[in-house]
Amino acid sequence: MTGSFIREVAKGWAVYNRSGASQTVTFDLPVVSTNTNQHQTSHSISDFDGDIFLKTDID
């Protein structure tokens, strides 16, 4: 994801997109978007937007 920033946090990932276009972020396992509450492996993020994706299986 060129122009986007991904940071791993304790329970998932924080993603910010400033690439100039909408981007799709894909994970190896399904994650939950805190913005949309969708549980899937791929999520779309608009330009100049961000989201936090939570792991569904946390030990």
C-alpha atoms as a PDB file:
ATOM      1  CA  MET A   1       0.000   0.000   0.000  1.00  0.00           C
ATOM      2  CA  THR A   2       2.019   2.922  -1.268  1.00  0.00           C
ATOM      3  CA  GLY A   3       1.355   6.170   0.589  1.00  0.00           C
ATOM      4  CA  SER A   4      -0.292   4.446   3.523  1.00  0.00           C
ATOM      5  CA  PHE A   5       0.956   3.867   7.031  1.00  0.00           C
ATOM      6  CA  ILE A   6       0.351   0.657   8.953  1.00  0.00           C
ATOM      7  CA  ARG A   7       1.273   0.261  12.596  1.00  0.00           C
ATOM      8  CA  GLU A   8       0.841  -2.906  14.590  1.00  0.00           C
ATOM      9  CA  VAL A   9      -0.731  -2.343  17.989  1.00  0.00           C
ATOM     10  CA  ALA A  10      -1.447  -4.746  20.855  1.00  0.00           C
ATOM     11  CA  LYS A  11      -4.785  -5.992  19.521  1.00  0.00           C
ATOM     12  CA  GLY A  12      -4.461  -5.376  15.781  1.00  0.00           C
ATOM     13  CA  TRP A  13      -3.358  -2.683  13.340  1.00  0.00           C
ATOM     14  CA  ALA A  14      -3.879   1.028  12.833  1.00  0.00           C
ATOM     15  CA  VAL A  15      -3.906   2.080   9.176  1.00  0.00           C
ATOM     16  CA  TYR A  16      -3.843   5.606   7.733  1.00  0.00           C
ATOM     17  CA  ASN A  17      -4.146   6.262   3.994  1.00  0.00           C
ATOM     18  CA  ARG A  18      -2.776   9.451   2.444  1.00  0.00           C
ATOM     19  CA  SER A  19      -1.898   8.032  -0.941  1.00  0.00           C
ATOM     20  CA  GLY A  20      -4.163  10.237  -3.047  1.00  0.00           C
ATOM     21  CA  ALA A  21      -6.603   7.402  -3.773  1.00  0.00           C
ATOM     22  CA  SER A  22      -8.675   4.788  -2.020  1.00  0.00           C
ATOM     23  CA  GLN A  23      -6.620   1.764  -0.934  1.00  0.00           C
ATOM     24  CA  THR A  24      -7.460  -1.795   0.024  1.00  0.00           C
ATOM     25  CA  VAL A  25      -5.626  -3.373   2.926  1.00  0.00           C
ATOM     26  CA  THR A  26      -5.556  -7.170   3.115  1.00  0.00           C
ATOM     27  CA  PHE A  27      -4.756  -9.264   6.174  1.00  0.00           C
ATOM     28  CA  ASP A  28      -3.867 -12.959   6.450  1.00  0.00           C
ATOM     29  CA  LEU A  29      -6.812 -13.582   8.777  1.00  0.00           C
ATOM     30  CA  PRO A  30     -10.194 -11.876   9.160  1.00  0.00           C
ATOM     31  CA  VAL A  31     -10.082  -8.710  11.260  1.00  0.00           C
ATOM     32  CA  VAL A  32     -12.810  -6.362  12.490  1.00  0.00           C
ATOM     33  CA  SER A  33     -12.915  -2.751  11.305  1.00  0.00           C
ATOM     34  CA  THR A  34     -13.688  -0.347  14.146  1.00  0.00           C
ATOM     35  CA  ASN A  35     -15.244   2.071  11.614  1.00  0.00           C
ATOM     36  CA  THR A  36     -17.605  -0.337   9.860  1.00  0.00           C
ATOM     37  CA  ASN A  37     -17.703  -3.339  12.220  1.00  0.00           C
ATOM     38  CA  GLN A  38     -17.117  -5.579   9.174  1.00  0.00           C
ATOM     39  CA  HIS A  39     -15.313  -8.863   9.807  1.00  0.00           C
ATOM     40  CA  GLN A  40     -13.248  -9.784   6.728  1.00  0.00           C
ATOM     41  CA  THR A  41      -9.704 -10.053   5.356  1.00  0.00           C
ATOM     42  CA  SER A  42      -9.833  -7.045   2.971  1.00  0.00           C
ATOM     43  CA  HIS A  43     -10.962  -3.530   3.838  1.00  0.00           C
ATOM     44  CA  SER A  44     -11.113  -0.355   1.747  1.00  0.00           C
ATOM     45  CA  ILE A  45      -9.789   2.913   3.175  1.00  0.00           C
ATOM     46  CA  SER A  46     -10.529   6.255   1.528  1.00  0.00           C
ATOM     47  CA  ASP A  47      -7.800   8.815   0.908  1.00  0.00           C
ATOM     48  CA  PHE A  48      -6.943  10.840   4.030  1.00  0.00           C
ATOM     49  CA  ASP A  49      -8.833   8.352   6.181  1.00  0.00           C
ATOM     50  CA  GLY A  50      -7.821   5.657   8.604  1.00  0.00           C
ATOM     51  CA  ASP A  51      -9.135   2.732  10.575  1.00  0.00           C
ATOM     52  CA  ILE A  52      -8.195   0.382  13.363  1.00  0.00           C
ATOM     53  CA  PHE A  53      -8.473  -3.317  12.625  1.00  0.00           C
ATOM     54  CA  LEU A  54      -8.809  -5.677  15.554  1.00  0.00           C
ATOM     55  CA  LYS A  55      -7.628  -9.264  15.660  1.00  0.00           C
ATOM     56  CA  THR A  56     -10.461 -11.693  16.290  1.00  0.00           C
ATOM     57  CA  ASP A  57      -8.345 -14.381  18.002  1.00  0.00           C
ATOM     58  CA  ILE A  58      -6.366 -12.776  20.800  1.00  0.00           C
ATOM     59  CA  ASP A  59      -4.499 -15.009  23.221  1.00  0.00           C
END
